[in-house]
PDB file of N, CA and C in Angstrom:
ATOM      1  N   UNK A   1      -0.948 -21.210  10.906  1.00  0.00           N
ATOM      2  CA  UNK A   1      -0.585 -20.534  12.139  1.00  0.00           C
ATOM      3  C   UNK A   1      -1.747 -19.695  12.682  1.00  0.00           C
ATOM      4  N   UNK A   2      -2.459 -19.031  11.776  1.00  0.00           N
ATOM      5  CA  UNK A   2      -3.569 -18.191  12.210  1.00  0.00           C
ATOM      6  C   UNK A   2      -4.600 -18.990  13.000  1.00  0.00           C
ATOM      7  N   UNK A   3      -4.858 -20.223  12.580  1.00  0.00           N
ATOM      8  CA  UNK A   3      -5.858 -21.018  13.280  1.00  0.00           C
ATOM      9  C   UNK A   3      -5.441 -21.307  14.725  1.00  0.00           C
ATOM     10  N   UNK A   4      -4.150 -21.491  14.958  1.00  0.00           N
ATOM     11  CA  UNK A   4      -3.679 -21.732  16.324  1.00  0.00           C
ATOM     12  C   UNK A   4      -3.876 -20.491  17.210  1.00  0.00           C
ATOM     13  N   UNK A   5      -3.677 -19.320  16.627  1.00  0.00           N
ATOM     14  CA  UNK A   5      -3.876 -18.071  17.378  1.00  0.00           C
ATOM     15  C   UNK A   5      -5.352 -17.893  17.711  1.00  0.00           C
ATOM     16  N   UNK A   6      -6.216 -18.099  16.718  1.00  0.00           N
ATOM     17  CA  UNK A   6      -7.659 -17.974  16.939  1.00  0.00           C
ATOM     18  C   UNK A   6      -8.121 -19.008  17.965  1.00  0.00           C
ATOM     19  N   UNK A   7      -7.605 -20.221  17.847  1.00  0.00           N
ATOM     20  CA  UNK A   7      -7.973 -21.286  18.790  1.00  0.00           C
ATOM     21  C   UNK A   7      -7.617 -20.886  20.220  1.00  0.00           C
ATOM     22  N   UNK A   8      -6.451 -20.347  20.406  1.00  0.00           N
ATOM     23  CA  UNK A   8      -6.024 -19.920  21.753  1.00  0.00           C
ATOM     24  C   UNK A   8      -6.906 -18.787  22.263  1.00  0.00           C
ATOM     25  N   UNK A   9      -7.270 -17.862  21.378  1.00  0.00           N
ATOM     26  CA  UNK A   9      -8.143 -16.753  21.777  1.00  0.00           C
ATOM     27  C   UNK A   9      -9.531 -17.257  22.159  1.00  0.00           C
ATOM     28  N   UNK A  10     -10.060 -18.195  21.402  1.00  0.00           N
ATOM     29  CA  UNK A  10     -11.371 -18.773  21.714  1.00  0.00           C
ATOM     30  C   UNK A  10     -11.319 -19.493  23.054  1.00  0.00           C
ATOM     31  N   UNK A  11     -10.277 -20.259  23.275  1.00  0.00           N
ATOM     32  CA  UNK A  11     -10.117 -20.949  24.564  1.00  0.00           C
ATOM     33  C   UNK A  11     -10.087 -19.939  25.704  1.00  0.00           C
ATOM     34  N   UNK A  12      -9.355 -18.861  25.540  1.00  0.00           N
ATOM     35  CA  UNK A  12      -9.281 -17.843  26.591  1.00  0.00           C
ATOM     36  C   UNK A  12     -10.637 -17.209  26.862  1.00  0.00           C
ATOM     37  N   UNK A  13     -11.431 -16.981  25.830  1.00  0.00           N
ATOM     38  CA  UNK A  13     -12.769 -16.424  26.014  1.00  0.00           C
ATOM     39  C   UNK A  13     -13.649 -17.414  26.775  1.00  0.00           C
ATOM     40  N   UNK A  14     -13.563 -18.678  26.434  1.00  0.00           N
ATOM     41  CA  UNK A  14     -14.353 -19.701  27.132  1.00  0.00           C
ATOM     42  C   UNK A  14     -13.969 -19.747  28.609  1.00  0.00           C
ATOM     43  N   UNK A  15     -12.692 -19.680  28.888  1.00  0.00           N
ATOM     44  CA  UNK A  15     -12.215 -19.709  30.275  1.00  0.00           C
ATOM     45  C   UNK A  15     -12.718 -18.482  31.032  1.00  0.00           C
ATOM     46  N   UNK A  16     -12.557 -17.302  30.440  1.00  0.00           N
ATOM     47  CA  UNK A  16     -12.914 -16.055  31.110  1.00  0.00           C
ATOM     48  C   UNK A  16     -14.420 -15.852  31.254  1.00  0.00           C
ATOM     49  N   UNK A  17     -15.176 -16.125  30.213  1.00  0.00           N
ATOM     50  CA  UNK A  17     -16.603 -15.806  30.203  1.00  0.00           C
ATOM     51  C   UNK A  17     -17.490 -16.931  30.699  1.00  0.00           C
ATOM     52  N   UNK A  18     -17.023 -18.171  30.569  1.00  0.00           N
ATOM     53  CA  UNK A  18     -17.880 -19.302  30.898  1.00  0.00           C
ATOM     54  C   UNK A  18     -17.365 -20.089  32.098  1.00  0.00           C
ATOM     55  N   UNK A  19     -16.063 -20.033  32.314  1.00  0.00           N
ATOM     56  CA  UNK A  19     -15.514 -20.674  33.498  1.00  0.00           C
ATOM     57  C   UNK A  19     -15.089 -22.121  33.323  1.00  0.00           C
ATOM     58  N   UNK A  20     -14.992 -22.584  32.092  1.00  0.00           N
ATOM     59  CA  UNK A  20     -14.473 -23.934  31.851  1.00  0.00           C
ATOM     60  C   UNK A  20     -12.954 -23.870  32.018  1.00  0.00           C
ATOM     61  N   UNK A  21     -12.391 -24.867  32.651  1.00  0.00           N
ATOM     62  CA  UNK A  21     -10.943 -24.865  32.878  1.00  0.00           C
ATOM     63  C   UNK A  21     -10.175 -25.059  31.575  1.00  0.00           C
ATOM     64  N   UNK A  22      -9.086 -24.322  31.458  1.00  0.00           N
ATOM     65  CA  UNK A  22      -8.261 -24.368  30.249  1.00  0.00           C
ATOM     66  C   UNK A  22      -7.744 -25.785  29.991  1.00  0.00           C
ATOM     67  N   UNK A  23      -7.348 -26.491  31.030  1.00  0.00           N
ATOM     68  CA  UNK A  23      -6.832 -27.849  30.874  1.00  0.00           C
ATOM     69  C   UNK A  23      -7.890 -28.771  30.265  1.00  0.00           C
ATOM     70  N   UNK A  24      -9.141 -28.579  30.658  1.00  0.00           N
ATOM     71  CA  UNK A  24     -10.239 -29.379  30.115  1.00  0.00           C
ATOM     72  C   UNK A  24     -10.378 -29.136  28.621  1.00  0.00           C
ATOM     73  N   UNK A  25     -10.280 -27.880  28.212  1.00  0.00           N
ATOM     74  CA  UNK A  25     -10.403 -27.547  26.797  1.00  0.00           C
ATOM     75  C   UNK A  25      -9.238 -28.094  25.988  1.00  0.00           C
ATOM     76  N   UNK A  26      -8.036 -28.042  26.550  1.00  0.00           N
ATOM     77  CA  UNK A  26      -6.886 -28.606  25.844  1.00  0.00           C
ATOM     78  C   UNK A  26      -7.011 -30.124  25.729  1.00  0.00           C
ATOM     79  N   UNK A  27      -7.520 -30.754  26.763  1.00  0.00           N
ATOM     80  CA  UNK A  27      -7.614 -32.213  26.780  1.00  0.00           C
ATOM     81  C   UNK A  27      -8.722 -32.727  25.863  1.00  0.00           C
ATOM     82  N   UNK A  28      -9.906 -32.089  25.919  1.00  0.00           N
ATOM     83  CA  UNK A  28     -11.066 -32.641  25.217  1.00  0.00           C
ATOM     84  C   UNK A  28     -11.621 -31.752  24.108  1.00  0.00           C
ATOM     85  N   UNK A  29     -11.255 -30.488  24.082  1.00  0.00           N
ATOM     86  CA  UNK A  29     -11.901 -29.519  23.203  1.00  0.00           C
ATOM     87  C   UNK A  29     -11.795 -29.773  21.724  1.00  0.00           C
ATOM     88  N   UNK A  30     -10.756 -30.418  21.280  1.00  0.00           N
ATOM     89  CA  UNK A  30     -10.571 -30.599  19.842  1.00  0.00           C
ATOM     90  C   UNK A  30     -11.369 -31.758  19.258  1.00  0.00           C
ATOM     91  N   UNK A  31     -11.764 -32.714  20.080  1.00  0.00           N
ATOM     92  CA  UNK A  31     -12.433 -33.885  19.512  1.00  0.00           C
ATOM     93  C   UNK A  31     -13.781 -34.217  20.141  1.00  0.00           C
ATOM     94  N   UNK A  32     -14.270 -33.350  21.022  1.00  0.00           N
ATOM     95  CA  UNK A  32     -15.569 -33.588  21.648  1.00  0.00           C
ATOM     96  C   UNK A  32     -16.430 -32.336  21.555  1.00  0.00           C
ATOM     97  N   UNK A  33     -17.712 -32.564  21.511  1.00  0.00           N
ATOM     98  CA  UNK A  33     -18.656 -31.455  21.523  1.00  0.00           C
ATOM     99  C   UNK A  33     -18.515 -30.708  22.853  1.00  0.00           C
ATOM    100  N   UNK A  34     -18.699 -29.406  22.810  1.00  0.00           N
ATOM    101  CA  UNK A  34     -18.677 -28.623  24.042  1.00  0.00           C
ATOM    102  C   UNK A  34     -19.761 -29.092  25.011  1.00  0.00           C
ATOM    103  N   UNK A  35     -20.804 -29.731  24.490  1.00  0.00           N
ATOM    104  CA  UNK A  35     -21.893 -30.211  25.333  1.00  0.00           C
ATOM    105  C   UNK A  35     -21.587 -31.562  25.975  1.00  0.00           C
ATOM    106  N   UNK A  36     -20.495 -32.193  25.585  1.00  0.00           N
ATOM    107  CA  UNK A  36     -20.083 -33.458  26.189  1.00  0.00           C
ATOM    108  C   UNK A  36     -19.882 -33.240  27.685  1.00  0.00           C
ATOM    109  N   UNK A  37     -20.245 -34.212  28.461  1.00  0.00           N
ATOM    110  CA  UNK A  37     -20.166 -34.089  29.922  1.00  0.00           C
ATOM    111  C   UNK A  37     -18.746 -33.792  30.413  1.00  0.00           C
ATOM    112  N   UNK A  38     -17.741 -34.216  29.665  1.00  0.00           N
ATOM    113  CA  UNK A  38     -16.358 -33.967  30.078  1.00  0.00           C
ATOM    114  C   UNK A  38     -15.986 -32.487  29.963  1.00  0.00           C
ATOM    115  N   UNK A  39     -16.721 -31.736  29.126  1.00  0.00           N
ATOM    116  CA  UNK A  39     -16.484 -30.296  28.993  1.00  0.00           C
ATOM    117  C   UNK A  39     -17.559 -29.519  29.748  1.00  0.00           C
ATOM    118  N   UNK A  40     -18.807 -29.866  29.533  1.00  0.00           N
ATOM    119  CA  UNK A  40     -19.881 -29.348  30.362  1.00  0.00           C
ATOM    120  C   UNK A  40     -20.480 -28.007  29.975  1.00  0.00           C
ATOM    121  N   UNK A  41     -20.299 -27.575  28.747  1.00  0.00           N
ATOM    122  CA  UNK A  41     -20.910 -26.322  28.315  1.00  0.00           C
ATOM    123  C   UNK A  41     -22.421 -26.503  28.226  1.00  0.00           C
ATOM    124  N   UNK A  42     -23.158 -25.494  28.629  1.00  0.00           N
ATOM    125  CA  UNK A  42     -24.612 -25.516  28.527  1.00  0.00           C
ATOM    126  C   UNK A  42     -25.021 -24.708  27.297  1.00  0.00           C
ATOM    127  N   UNK A  43     -26.190 -24.982  26.739  1.00  0.00           N
ATOM    128  CA  UNK A  43     -26.620 -24.230  25.557  1.00  0.00           C
ATOM    129  C   UNK A  43     -26.561 -22.714  25.746  1.00  0.00           C
ATOM    130  N   UNK A  44     -26.932 -22.225  26.912  1.00  0.00           N
ATOM    131  CA  UNK A  44     -26.868 -20.776  27.153  1.00  0.00           C
ATOM    132  C   UNK A  44     -25.417 -20.275  27.118  1.00  0.00           C
ATOM    133  N   UNK A  45     -24.464 -21.133  27.512  1.00  0.00           N
ATOM    134  CA  UNK A  45     -23.049 -20.761  27.444  1.00  0.00           C
ATOM    135  C   UNK A  45     -22.599 -20.602  25.994  1.00  0.00           C
ATOM    136  N   UNK A  46     -23.107 -21.477  25.138  1.00  0.00           N
ATOM    137  CA  UNK A  46     -22.753 -21.386  23.727  1.00  0.00           C
ATOM    138  C   UNK A  46     -23.285 -20.086  23.127  1.00  0.00           C
ATOM    139  N   UNK A  47     -24.456 -19.666  23.568  1.00  0.00           N
ATOM    140  CA  UNK A  47     -25.011 -18.396  23.110  1.00  0.00           C
ATOM    141  C   UNK A  47     -24.142 -17.230  23.570  1.00  0.00           C
ATOM    142  N   UNK A  48     -23.710 -17.262  24.811  1.00  0.00           N
ATOM    143  CA  UNK A  48     -22.796 -16.238  25.327  1.00  0.00           C
ATOM    144  C   UNK A  48     -21.518 -16.214  24.508  1.00  0.00           C
ATOM    145  N   UNK A  49     -20.961 -17.373  24.252  1.00  0.00           N
ATOM    146  CA  UNK A  49     -19.736 -17.484  23.471  1.00  0.00           C
ATOM    147  C   UNK A  49     -19.937 -16.939  22.057  1.00  0.00           C
ATOM    148  N   UNK A  50     -21.062 -17.275  21.465  1.00  0.00           N
ATOM    149  CA  UNK A  50     -21.417 -16.802  20.132  1.00  0.00           C
ATOM    150  C   UNK A  50     -21.342 -15.272  20.066  1.00  0.00           C
ATOM    151  N   UNK A  51     -21.963 -14.592  21.017  1.00  0.00           N
ATOM    152  CA  UNK A  51     -21.959 -13.127  21.016  1.00  0.00           C
ATOM    153  C   UNK A  51     -20.578 -12.551  21.323  1.00  0.00           C
ATOM    154  N   UNK A  52     -19.851 -13.180  22.200  1.00  0.00           N
ATOM    155  CA  UNK A  52     -18.489 -12.717  22.522  1.00  0.00           C
ATOM    156  C   UNK A  52     -17.567 -12.824  21.301  1.00  0.00           C
ATOM    157  N   UNK A  53     -17.700 -13.887  20.552  1.00  0.00           N
ATOM    158  CA  UNK A  53     -16.861 -14.080  19.361  1.00  0.00           C
ATOM    159  C   UNK A  53     -17.218 -13.076  18.268  1.00  0.00           C
ATOM    160  N   UNK A  54     -18.498 -12.819  18.103  1.00  0.00           N
ATOM    161  CA  UNK A  54     -18.909 -11.808  17.121  1.00  0.00           C
ATOM    162  C   UNK A  54     -18.320 -10.445  17.472  1.00  0.00           C
ATOM    163  N   UNK A  55     -18.369 -10.111  18.761  1.00  0.00           N
ATOM    164  CA  UNK A  55     -17.847  -8.827  19.211  1.00  0.00           C
ATOM    165  C   UNK A  55     -16.326  -8.767  19.044  1.00  0.00           C
ATOM    166  N   UNK A  56     -15.631  -9.809  19.471  1.00  0.00           N
ATOM    167  CA  UNK A  56     -14.172  -9.813  19.406  1.00  0.00           C
ATOM    168  C   UNK A  56     -13.656  -9.721  17.978  1.00  0.00           C
ATOM    169  N   UNK A  57     -14.256 -10.494  17.085  1.00  0.00           N
ATOM    170  CA  UNK A  57     -13.748 -10.581  15.717  1.00  0.00           C
ATOM    171  C   UNK A  57     -14.497  -9.673  14.735  1.00  0.00           C
ATOM    172  N   UNK A  58     -15.467  -8.915  15.241  1.00  0.00           N
ATOM    173  CA  UNK A  58     -16.245  -7.988  14.416  1.00  0.00           C
ATOM    174  C   UNK A  58     -16.811  -8.714  13.189  1.00  0.00           C
ATOM    175  N   UNK A  59     -17.470  -9.838  13.470  1.00  0.00           N
ATOM    176  CA  UNK A  59     -18.100 -10.639  12.427  1.00  0.00           C
ATOM    177  C   UNK A  59     -19.534 -10.929  12.848  1.00  0.00           C
ATOM    178  N   UNK A  60     -20.327 -11.368  11.903  1.00  0.00           N
ATOM    179  CA  UNK A  60     -21.709 -11.735  12.202  1.00  0.00           C
ATOM    180  C   UNK A  60     -21.932 -13.159  11.712  1.00  0.00           C
ATOM    181  N   UNK A  61     -22.303 -14.022  12.632  1.00  0.00           N
ATOM    182  CA  UNK A  61     -22.627 -15.399  12.280  1.00  0.00           C
ATOM    183  C   UNK A  61     -24.102 -15.479  11.937  1.00  0.00           C
ATOM    184  N   UNK A  62     -24.398 -16.311  10.963  1.00  0.00           N
ATOM    185  CA  UNK A  62     -25.780 -16.599  10.617  1.00  0.00           C
ATOM    186  C   UNK A  62     -26.139 -17.947  11.229  1.00  0.00           C
ATOM    187  N   UNK A  63     -27.419 -18.208  11.331  1.00  0.00           N
ATOM    188  CA  UNK A  63     -27.874 -19.464  11.914  1.00  0.00           C
ATOM    189  C   UNK A  63     -27.250 -20.662  11.207  1.00  0.00           C
ATOM    190  N   UNK A  64     -27.151 -20.590   9.875  1.00  0.00           N
ATOM    191  CA  UNK A  64     -26.590 -21.718   9.123  1.00  0.00           C
ATOM    192  C   UNK A  64     -25.129 -21.972   9.493  1.00  0.00           C
ATOM    193  N   UNK A  65     -24.391 -20.917   9.863  1.00  0.00           N
ATOM    194  CA  UNK A  65     -23.000 -21.094  10.292  1.00  0.00           C
ATOM    195  C   UNK A  65     -22.939 -21.971  11.531  1.00  0.00           C
ATOM    196  N   UNK A  66     -23.835 -21.723  12.444  1.00  0.00           N
ATOM    197  CA  UNK A  66     -23.838 -22.446  13.719  1.00  0.00           C
ATOM    198  C   UNK A  66     -24.270 -23.900  13.521  1.00  0.00           C
ATOM    199  N   UNK A  67     -25.281 -24.096  12.709  1.00  0.00           N
ATOM    200  CA  UNK A  67     -25.817 -25.447  12.516  1.00  0.00           C
ATOM    201  C   UNK A  67     -24.952 -26.265  11.563  1.00  0.00           C
ATOM    202  N   UNK A  68     -24.669 -25.724  10.386  1.00  0.00           N
ATOM    203  CA  UNK A  68     -23.926 -26.478   9.377  1.00  0.00           C
ATOM    204  C   UNK A  68     -22.474 -26.718   9.760  1.00  0.00           C
ATOM    205  N   UNK A  69     -21.883 -25.804  10.478  1.00  0.00           N
ATOM    206  CA  UNK A  69     -20.466 -25.920  10.825  1.00  0.00           C
ATOM    207  C   UNK A  69     -20.250 -26.641  12.150  1.00  0.00           C
ATOM    208  N   UNK A  70     -21.338 -27.085  12.791  1.00  0.00           N
ATOM    209  CA  UNK A  70     -21.224 -27.745  14.109  1.00  0.00           C
ATOM    210  C   UNK A  70     -20.411 -26.872  15.054  1.00  0.00           C
ATOM    211  N   UNK A  71     -20.979 -25.748  15.380  1.00  0.00           N
ATOM    212  CA  UNK A  71     -20.357 -24.723  16.198  1.00  0.00           C
ATOM    213  C   UNK A  71     -20.051 -25.205  17.620  1.00  0.00           C
ATOM    214  N   UNK A  72     -20.509 -26.387  17.971  1.00  0.00           N
ATOM    215  CA  UNK A  72     -20.260 -26.914  19.316  1.00  0.00           C
ATOM    216  C   UNK A  72     -18.933 -27.672  19.423  1.00  0.00           C
ATOM    217  N   UNK A  73     -18.115 -27.612  18.369  1.00  0.00           N
ATOM    218  CA  UNK A  73     -16.765 -28.189  18.394  1.00  0.00           C
ATOM    219  C   UNK A  73     -15.747 -27.072  18.221  1.00  0.00           C
ATOM    220  N   UNK A  74     -14.703 -27.088  19.001  1.00  0.00           N
ATOM    221  CA  UNK A  74     -13.706 -26.024  19.003  1.00  0.00           C
ATOM    222  C   UNK A  74     -13.099 -25.793  17.620  1.00  0.00           C
ATOM    223  N   UNK A  75     -12.622 -26.834  16.977  1.00  0.00           N
ATOM    224  CA  UNK A  75     -11.982 -26.662  15.671  1.00  0.00           C
ATOM    225  C   UNK A  75     -12.948 -26.129  14.625  1.00  0.00           C
ATOM    226  N   UNK A  76     -14.204 -26.557  14.683  1.00  0.00           N
ATOM    227  CA  UNK A  76     -15.209 -26.054  13.751  1.00  0.00           C
ATOM    228  C   UNK A  76     -15.468 -24.574  13.994  1.00  0.00           C
ATOM    229  N   UNK A  77     -15.495 -24.189  15.251  1.00  0.00           N
ATOM    230  CA  UNK A  77     -15.704 -22.793  15.612  1.00  0.00           C
ATOM    231  C   UNK A  77     -14.553 -21.929  15.079  1.00  0.00           C
ATOM    232  N   UNK A  78     -13.342 -22.403  15.261  1.00  0.00           N
ATOM    233  CA  UNK A  78     -12.163 -21.684  14.772  1.00  0.00           C
ATOM    234  C   UNK A  78     -12.227 -21.548  13.251  1.00  0.00           C
ATOM    235  N   UNK A  79     -12.560 -22.628  12.570  1.00  0.00           N
ATOM    236  CA  UNK A  79     -12.673 -22.590  11.104  1.00  0.00           C
ATOM    237  C   UNK A  79     -13.745 -21.594  10.663  1.00  0.00           C
ATOM    238  N   UNK A  80     -14.871 -21.559  11.367  1.00  0.00           N
ATOM    239  CA  UNK A  80     -15.958 -20.644  11.025  1.00  0.00           C
ATOM    240  C   UNK A  80     -15.516 -19.189  11.200  1.00  0.00           C
ATOM    241  N   UNK A  81     -14.771 -18.902  12.248  1.00  0.00           N
ATOM    242  CA  UNK A  81     -14.266 -17.545  12.479  1.00  0.00           C
ATOM    243  C   UNK A  81     -13.328 -17.130  11.352  1.00  0.00           C
ATOM    244  N   UNK A  82     -12.397 -17.993  11.013  1.00  0.00           N
ATOM    245  CA  UNK A  82     -11.425 -17.682   9.960  1.00  0.00           C
ATOM    246  C   UNK A  82     -12.137 -17.494   8.618  1.00  0.00           C
ATOM    247  N   UNK A  83     -13.104 -18.339   8.345  1.00  0.00           N
ATOM    248  CA  UNK A  83     -13.865 -18.230   7.099  1.00  0.00           C
ATOM    249  C   UNK A  83     -14.632 -16.912   7.043  1.00  0.00           C
ATOM    250  N   UNK A  84     -15.274 -16.537   8.141  1.00  0.00           N
ATOM    251  CA  UNK A  84     -16.024 -15.272   8.196  1.00  0.00           C
ATOM    252  C   UNK A  84     -15.079 -14.078   8.018  1.00  0.00           C
ATOM    253  N   UNK A  85     -13.934 -14.118   8.649  1.00  0.00           N
ATOM    254  CA  UNK A  85     -12.983 -13.021   8.512  1.00  0.00           C
ATOM    255  C   UNK A  85     -12.509 -12.880   7.068  1.00  0.00           C
ATOM    256  N   UNK A  86     -12.321 -13.983   6.395  1.00  0.00           N
ATOM    257  CA  UNK A  86     -11.836 -13.952   5.023  1.00  0.00           C
ATOM    258  C   UNK A  86     -12.902 -13.433   4.061  1.00  0.00           C
ATOM    259  N   UNK A  87     -14.164 -13.655   4.397  1.00  0.00           N
ATOM    260  CA  UNK A  87     -15.235 -13.246   3.481  1.00  0.00           C
ATOM    261  C   UNK A  87     -15.725 -11.829   3.722  1.00  0.00           C
ATOM    262  N   UNK A  88     -15.285 -11.206   4.798  1.00  0.00           N
ATOM    263  CA  UNK A  88     -15.753  -9.838   5.087  1.00  0.00           C
ATOM    264  C   UNK A  88     -14.706  -8.810   4.771  1.00  0.00           C
TER     265      UNK A  88
END
């Protein structure tokens, strides 16, 4: 259940801070990279999202978290947040 709550919060941050439509994220976000043309996130948007998530969840991501966990996929991002929260 926690993952669904975090997923919804991440989607809301993407909508508010980056301007991607919520319907697009629901349709494609779980199985496509955020950089896929159907979603359209730019690398600078991912950086913005990265900092917003750190602030919201009071966690610190390391470079390996972003690269190894494929931070450009919604479900991977949610898993990384939950994992960081559990380890801190």
